[in-house]
PDB file of all heavy atoms in Angstrom:
ATOM      1  N   HIS A   1      96.760 127.077 120.375  1.00  0.00           N
ATOM      2  CA  HIS A   1      97.774 126.233 120.485  1.00  0.00           C
ATOM      3  C   HIS A   1      97.264 124.750 120.263  1.00  0.00           C
ATOM      4  O   HIS A   1      97.912 123.887 119.685  1.00  0.00           O
ATOM      5  CB  HIS A   1      98.560 126.266 121.773  1.00  0.00           C
ATOM      6  CG  HIS A   1      99.291 127.599 121.977  1.00  0.00           C
ATOM      7  ND1 HIS A   1     100.071 127.939 120.836  1.00  0.00           N
ATOM      8  CD2 HIS A   1      99.398 128.436 123.002  1.00  0.00           C
ATOM      9  CE1 HIS A   1     100.732 129.259 121.344  1.00  0.00           C
ATOM     10  NE2 HIS A   1     100.218 129.434 122.466  1.00  0.00           N
ATOM     11  N   THR A   2      96.075 124.369 120.795  1.00  0.00           N
ATOM     12  CA  THR A   2      95.599 123.079 120.852  1.00  0.00           C
ATOM     13  C   THR A   2      95.125 122.801 119.286  1.00  0.00           C
ATOM     14  O   THR A   2      95.448 121.672 118.811  1.00  0.00           O
ATOM     15  CB  THR A   2      94.380 122.901 121.742  1.00  0.00           C
ATOM     16  OG1 THR A   2      94.899 123.373 122.980  1.00  0.00           O
ATOM     17  CG2 THR A   2      93.975 121.391 121.735  1.00  0.00           C
ATOM     18  N   LEU A   3      94.517 123.683 118.718  1.00  0.00           N
ATOM     19  CA  LEU A   3      94.141 123.499 117.236  1.00  0.00           C
ATOM     20  C   LEU A   3      95.386 123.343 116.437  1.00  0.00           C
ATOM     21  O   LEU A   3      95.457 122.450 115.619  1.00  0.00           O
ATOM     22  CB  LEU A   3      93.321 124.704 116.699  1.00  0.00           C
ATOM     23  CG  LEU A   3      91.875 124.756 117.249  1.00  0.00           C
ATOM     24  CD1 LEU A   3      91.286 126.271 116.811  1.00  0.00           C
ATOM     25  CD2 LEU A   3      91.068 123.666 116.556  1.00  0.00           C
ATOM     26  N   PHE A   4      96.366 124.161 116.708  1.00  0.00           N
ATOM     27  CA  PHE A   4      97.593 124.029 115.770  1.00  0.00           C
ATOM     28  C   PHE A   4      98.380 122.701 116.079  1.00  0.00           C
ATOM     29  O   PHE A   4      98.803 122.051 115.212  1.00  0.00           O
ATOM     30  CB  PHE A   4      98.587 125.130 116.128  1.00  0.00           C
ATOM     31  CG  PHE A   4      98.098 126.536 115.889  1.00  0.00           C
ATOM     32  CD1 PHE A   4      98.608 127.715 116.368  1.00  0.00           C
ATOM     33  CD2 PHE A   4      96.916 126.657 115.119  1.00  0.00           C
ATOM     34  CE1 PHE A   4      98.144 128.919 115.982  1.00  0.00           C
ATOM     35  CE2 PHE A   4      96.299 128.083 114.831  1.00  0.00           C
ATOM     36  CZ  PHE A   4      97.036 129.070 115.269  1.00  0.00           C
ATOM     37  N   LYS A   5      98.288 122.311 117.439  1.00  0.00           N
ATOM     38  CA  LYS A   5      98.944 120.949 117.710  1.00  0.00           C
ATOM     39  C   LYS A   5      98.326 119.887 117.086  1.00  0.00           C
ATOM     40  O   LYS A   5      98.938 118.766 116.811  1.00  0.00           O
ATOM     41  CB  LYS A   5      98.857 120.829 119.181  1.00  0.00           C
ATOM     42  CG  LYS A   5      99.672 119.629 119.721  1.00  0.00           C
ATOM     43  CD  LYS A   5      99.573 119.608 121.244  1.00  0.00           C
ATOM     44  CE  LYS A   5      98.165 119.397 121.797  1.00  0.00           C
ATOM     45  NZ  LYS A   5      98.189 119.140 123.354  1.00  0.00           N
ATOM     46  N   ASN A   6      97.026 119.983 116.853  1.00  0.00           N
ATOM     47  CA  ASN A   6      96.284 118.811 116.105  1.00  0.00           C
ATOM     48  C   ASN A   6      96.130 118.992 114.666  1.00  0.00           C
ATOM     49  O   ASN A   6      95.226 118.566 114.061  1.00  0.00           O
ATOM     50  CB  ASN A   6      94.871 118.758 116.797  1.00  0.00           C
ATOM     51  CG  ASN A   6      94.977 118.201 118.140  1.00  0.00           C
ATOM     52  OD1 ASN A   6      94.958 116.970 118.238  1.00  0.00           O
ATOM     53  ND2 ASN A   6      95.003 118.979 119.295  1.00  0.00           N
ATOM     54  N   ASN A   7      96.967 119.918 114.128  1.00  0.00           N
ATOM     55  CA  ASN A   7      97.157 120.120 112.587  1.00  0.00           C
ATOM     56  C   ASN A   7      95.879 120.775 112.051  1.00  0.00           C
ATOM     57  O   ASN A   7      95.463 120.317 110.963  1.00  0.00           O
ATOM     58  CB  ASN A   7      97.465 118.807 111.904  1.00  0.00           C
ATOM     59  CG  ASN A   7      98.902 118.237 112.369  1.00  0.00           C
ATOM     60  OD1 ASN A   7      99.791 119.002 112.490  1.00  0.00           O
ATOM     61  ND2 ASN A   7      98.799 116.936 112.696  1.00  0.00           N
ATOM     62  N   VAL A   8      95.170 121.578 112.779  1.00  0.00           N
ATOM     63  CA  VAL A   8      93.930 122.371 112.343  1.00  0.00           C
ATOM     64  C   VAL A   8      94.327 123.833 112.534  1.00  0.00           C
ATOM     65  O   VAL A   8      94.340 124.295 113.634  1.00  0.00           O
ATOM     66  CB  VAL A   8      92.764 121.960 112.930  1.00  0.00           C
ATOM     67  CG1 VAL A   8      91.581 122.962 112.385  1.00  0.00           C
ATOM     68  CG2 VAL A   8      92.459 120.490 112.682  1.00  0.00           C
ATOM     69  N   LYS A   9      94.526 124.549 111.394  1.00  0.00           N
ATOM     70  CA  LYS A   9      94.695 126.021 111.541  1.00  0.00           C
ATOM     71  C   LYS A   9      93.510 126.716 110.685  1.00  0.00           C
ATOM     72  O   LYS A   9      93.403 126.618 109.671  1.00  0.00           O
ATOM     73  CB  LYS A   9      96.041 126.436 110.806  1.00  0.00           C
ATOM     74  CG  LYS A   9      97.181 126.348 111.765  1.00  0.00           C
ATOM     75  CD  LYS A   9      98.480 127.117 111.259  1.00  0.00           C
ATOM     76  CE  LYS A   9      99.528 127.156 112.216  1.00  0.00           C
ATOM     77  NZ  LYS A   9     100.646 128.047 111.699  1.00  0.00           N
ATOM     78  N   PRO A  10      92.615 127.292 111.433  1.00  0.00           N
ATOM     79  CA  PRO A  10      91.533 127.891 110.755  1.00  0.00           C
ATOM     80  C   PRO A  10      92.071 129.112 109.893  1.00  0.00           C
ATOM     81  O   PRO A  10      92.763 129.894 110.341  1.00  0.00           O
ATOM     82  CB  PRO A  10      90.746 128.587 111.927  1.00  0.00           C
ATOM     83  CG  PRO A  10      91.103 127.649 113.156  1.00  0.00           C
ATOM     84  CD  PRO A  10      92.500 127.359 113.014  1.00  0.00           C
ATOM     85  N   GLY A  11      91.624 129.105 108.717  1.00  0.00           N
ATOM     86  CA  GLY A  11      92.078 130.000 107.684  1.00  0.00           C
ATOM     87  C   GLY A  11      91.283 131.274 107.900  1.00  0.00           C
ATOM     88  O   GLY A  11      91.755 132.443 107.550  1.00  0.00           O
ATOM     89  N   HIS A  12      90.135 131.353 108.586  1.00  0.00           N
ATOM     90  CA  HIS A  12      89.292 132.497 108.840  1.00  0.00           C
ATOM     91  C   HIS A  12      88.866 132.325 110.355  1.00  0.00           C
ATOM     92  O   HIS A  12      88.323 131.341 110.789  1.00  0.00           O
ATOM     93  CB  HIS A  12      88.070 132.490 107.963  1.00  0.00           C
ATOM     94  CG  HIS A  12      88.279 132.516 106.556  1.00  0.00           C
ATOM     95  ND1 HIS A  12      88.651 133.771 105.815  1.00  0.00           N
ATOM     96  CD2 HIS A  12      88.597 131.560 105.589  1.00  0.00           C
ATOM     97  CE1 HIS A  12      88.805 133.484 104.678  1.00  0.00           C
ATOM     98  NE2 HIS A  12      88.813 132.210 104.396  1.00  0.00           N
ATOM     99  N   VAL A  13      89.118 133.457 111.114  1.00  0.00           N
ATOM    100  CA  VAL A  13      88.923 133.671 112.382  1.00  0.00           C
ATOM    101  C   VAL A  13      87.897 134.858 112.604  1.00  0.00           C
ATOM    102  O   VAL A  13      88.239 135.987 112.254  1.00  0.00           O
ATOM    103  CB  VAL A  13      90.038 133.730 113.236  1.00  0.00           C
ATOM    104  CG1 VAL A  13      89.746 133.764 114.815  1.00  0.00           C
ATOM    105  CG2 VAL A  13      91.014 132.431 113.120  1.00  0.00           C
ATOM    106  N   ILE A  14      86.824 134.627 113.241  1.00  0.00           N
ATOM    107  CA  ILE A  14      85.864 135.626 113.524  1.00  0.00           C
ATOM    108  C   ILE A  14      85.527 135.834 115.028  1.00  0.00           C
ATOM    109  O   ILE A  14      85.127 134.869 115.703  1.00  0.00           O
ATOM    110  CB  ILE A  14      84.501 135.453 112.863  1.00  0.00           C
ATOM    111  CG1 ILE A  14      84.787 135.245 111.207  1.00  0.00           C
ATOM    112  CG2 ILE A  14      83.514 136.642 113.028  1.00  0.00           C
ATOM    113  CD1 ILE A  14      83.511 134.590 110.633  1.00  0.00           C
ATOM    114  N   PHE A  15      85.889 137.025 115.523  1.00  0.00           N
ATOM    115  CA  PHE A  15      85.667 137.312 116.991  1.00  0.00           C
ATOM    116  C   PHE A  15      84.322 138.140 116.974  1.00  0.00           C
ATOM    117  O   PHE A  15      84.239 139.122 116.267  1.00  0.00           O
ATOM    118  CB  PHE A  15      86.724 138.110 117.745  1.00  0.00           C
ATOM    119  CG  PHE A  15      88.046 137.180 117.696  1.00  0.00           C
ATOM    120  CD1 PHE A  15      89.169 137.473 117.065  1.00  0.00           C
ATOM    121  CD2 PHE A  15      88.074 136.148 118.630  1.00  0.00           C
ATOM    122  CE1 PHE A  15      90.222 136.663 117.052  1.00  0.00           C
ATOM    123  CE2 PHE A  15      89.159 135.340 118.804  1.00  0.00           C
ATOM    124  CZ  PHE A  15      90.319 135.665 118.017  1.00  0.00           C
ATOM    125  N   THR A  16      83.394 137.877 117.891  1.00  0.00           N
ATOM    126  CA  THR A  16      82.118 138.522 117.959  1.00  0.00           C
ATOM    127  C   THR A  16      81.865 138.854 119.441  1.00  0.00           C
ATOM    128  O   THR A  16      82.626 138.610 120.285  1.00  0.00           O
ATOM    129  CB  THR A  16      81.135 137.820 117.198  1.00  0.00           C
ATOM    130  OG1 THR A  16      79.896 138.525 117.249  1.00  0.00           O
ATOM    131  CG2 THR A  16      80.724 136.388 117.969  1.00  0.00           C
ATOM    132  N   THR A  17      80.673 139.305 119.633  1.00  0.00           N
ATOM    133  CA  THR A  17      80.112 139.712 120.914  1.00  0.00           C
ATOM    134  C   THR A  17      78.964 138.786 121.450  1.00  0.00           C
ATOM    135  O   THR A  17      78.904 137.726 120.954  1.00  0.00           O
ATOM    136  CB  THR A  17      79.631 141.144 120.858  1.00  0.00           C
ATOM    137  OG1 THR A  17      78.385 141.144 120.104  1.00  0.00           O
ATOM    138  CG2 THR A  17      80.590 142.122 120.247  1.00  0.00           C
ATOM    139  N   TYR A  18      78.332 139.190 122.483  1.00  0.00           N
ATOM    140  CA  TYR A  18      77.220 138.565 122.927  1.00  0.00           C
ATOM    141  C   TYR A  18      75.795 139.032 122.363  1.00  0.00           C
ATOM    142  O   TYR A  18      74.768 138.398 122.690  1.00  0.00           O
ATOM    143  CB  TYR A  18      77.136 138.546 124.466  1.00  0.00           C
ATOM    144  CG  TYR A  18      78.171 137.857 125.229  1.00  0.00           C
ATOM    145  CD1 TYR A  18      78.380 138.080 126.534  1.00  0.00           C
ATOM    146  CD2 TYR A  18      79.089 137.062 124.519  1.00  0.00           C
ATOM    147  CE1 TYR A  18      79.335 137.391 127.297  1.00  0.00           C
ATOM    148  CE2 TYR A  18      80.075 136.369 125.248  1.00  0.00           C
ATOM    149  CZ  TYR A  18      80.301 136.540 126.604  1.00  0.00           C
ATOM    150  OH  TYR A  18      81.278 136.081 127.426  1.00  0.00           O
ATOM    151  N   GLN A  19      75.913 139.959 121.503  1.00  0.00           N
ATOM    152  CA  GLN A  19      74.658 140.589 120.925  1.00  0.00           C
ATOM    153  C   GLN A  19      74.200 139.710 119.757  1.00  0.00           C
ATOM    154  O   GLN A  19      74.952 139.597 118.915  1.00  0.00           O
ATOM    155  CB  GLN A  19      74.904 142.035 120.554  1.00  0.00           C
ATOM    156  CG  GLN A  19      73.582 142.727 120.257  1.00  0.00           C
ATOM    157  CD  GLN A  19      73.900 144.294 120.008  1.00  0.00           C
ATOM    158  OE1 GLN A  19      74.877 144.766 120.558  1.00  0.00           O
ATOM    159  NE2 GLN A  19      72.979 144.973 119.397  1.00  0.00           N
ATOM    160  N   GLU A  20      73.049 139.214 119.834  1.00  0.00           N
ATOM    161  CA  GLU A  20      72.610 138.314 118.803  1.00  0.00           C
ATOM    162  C   GLU A  20      72.348 138.996 117.504  1.00  0.00           C
ATOM    163  O   GLU A  20      72.858 138.595 116.428  1.00  0.00           O
ATOM    164  CB  GLU A  20      71.426 137.571 119.254  1.00  0.00           C
ATOM    165  CG  GLU A  20      70.931 136.397 118.340  1.00  0.00           C
ATOM    166  CD  GLU A  20      69.668 135.644 118.845  1.00  0.00           C
ATOM    167  OE1 GLU A  20      69.865 135.163 119.994  1.00  0.00           O
ATOM    168  OE2 GLU A  20      68.808 135.503 118.122  1.00  0.00           O
ATOM    169  N   LYS A  21      71.602 140.104 117.552  1.00  0.00           N
ATOM    170  CA  LYS A  21      71.210 140.813 116.300  1.00  0.00           C
ATOM    171  C   LYS A  21      71.334 142.340 116.494  1.00  0.00           C
ATOM    172  O   LYS A  21      71.317 142.768 117.680  1.00  0.00           O
ATOM    173  CB  LYS A  21      69.753 140.452 115.857  1.00  0.00           C
ATOM    174  CG  LYS A  21      69.423 138.947 115.741  1.00  0.00           C
ATOM    175  CD  LYS A  21      67.975 138.687 115.402  1.00  0.00           C
ATOM    176  CE  LYS A  21      67.753 137.273 114.919  1.00  0.00           C
ATOM    177  NZ  LYS A  21      66.243 137.083 114.710  1.00  0.00           N
ATOM    178  N   ASP A  22      71.333 143.048 115.491  1.00  0.00           N
ATOM    179  CA  ASP A  22      71.378 144.497 115.514  1.00  0.00           C
ATOM    180  C   ASP A  22      70.184 144.970 116.327  1.00  0.00           C
ATOM    181  O   ASP A  22      68.968 144.652 115.980  1.00  0.00           O
ATOM    182  CB  ASP A  22      71.478 145.104 114.134  1.00  0.00           C
ATOM    183  CG  ASP A  22      72.653 144.900 113.395  1.00  0.00           C
ATOM    184  OD1 ASP A  22      73.812 144.603 114.081  1.00  0.00           O
ATOM    185  OD2 ASP A  22      72.785 144.836 112.148  1.00  0.00           O
ATOM    186  N   GLY A  23      70.439 145.941 117.105  1.00  0.00           N
ATOM    187  CA  GLY A  23      69.215 146.506 117.968  1.00  0.00           C
ATOM    188  C   GLY A  23      68.775 145.667 119.236  1.00  0.00           C
ATOM    189  O   GLY A  23      68.077 146.157 119.969  1.00  0.00           O
ATOM    190  N   ASP A  24      69.483 144.512 119.401  1.00  0.00           N
ATOM    191  CA  ASP A  24      69.120 143.932 120.630  1.00  0.00           C
ATOM    192  C   ASP A  24      69.614 144.537 121.893  1.00  0.00           C
ATOM    193  O   ASP A  24      70.684 145.187 121.708  1.00  0.00           O
ATOM    194  CB  ASP A  24      69.704 142.451 120.585  1.00  0.00           C
ATOM    195  CG  ASP A  24      68.954 141.474 119.853  1.00  0.00           C
ATOM    196  OD1 ASP A  24      67.853 141.809 119.428  1.00  0.00           O
ATOM    197  OD2 ASP A  24      69.551 140.264 119.603  1.00  0.00           O
ATOM    198  N   PRO A  25      69.037 144.532 122.976  1.00  0.00           N
ATOM    199  CA  PRO A  25      69.340 145.390 124.074  1.00  0.00           C
ATOM    200  C   PRO A  25      70.361 144.852 124.954  1.00  0.00           C
ATOM    201  O   PRO A  25      70.182 144.591 126.164  1.00  0.00           O
ATOM    202  CB  PRO A  25      67.945 145.482 124.910  1.00  0.00           C
ATOM    203  CG  PRO A  25      67.350 144.168 124.570  1.00  0.00           C
ATOM    204  CD  PRO A  25      67.621 143.871 123.128  1.00  0.00           C
ATOM    205  N   ILE A  26      71.518 144.654 124.344  1.00  0.00           N
ATOM    206  CA  ILE A  26      72.617 143.904 124.983  1.00  0.00           C
ATOM    207  C   ILE A  26      73.091 144.816 126.288  1.00  0.00           C
ATOM    208  O   ILE A  26      73.647 144.309 127.232  1.00  0.00           O
ATOM    209  CB  ILE A  26      73.770 143.622 124.104  1.00  0.00           C
ATOM    210  CG1 ILE A  26      74.807 142.623 124.764  1.00  0.00           C
ATOM    211  CG2 ILE A  26      74.472 144.842 123.630  1.00  0.00           C
ATOM    212  CD1 ILE A  26      74.271 141.343 125.112  1.00  0.00           C
TER     213      ILE A  26
END
């Protein structure tokens, strides 16, 4: 809502985890 209100709509949105790299012992 805050981004949209300030006229910035990300064309790409990526949700991720806390695991930095493949194989990390998260």
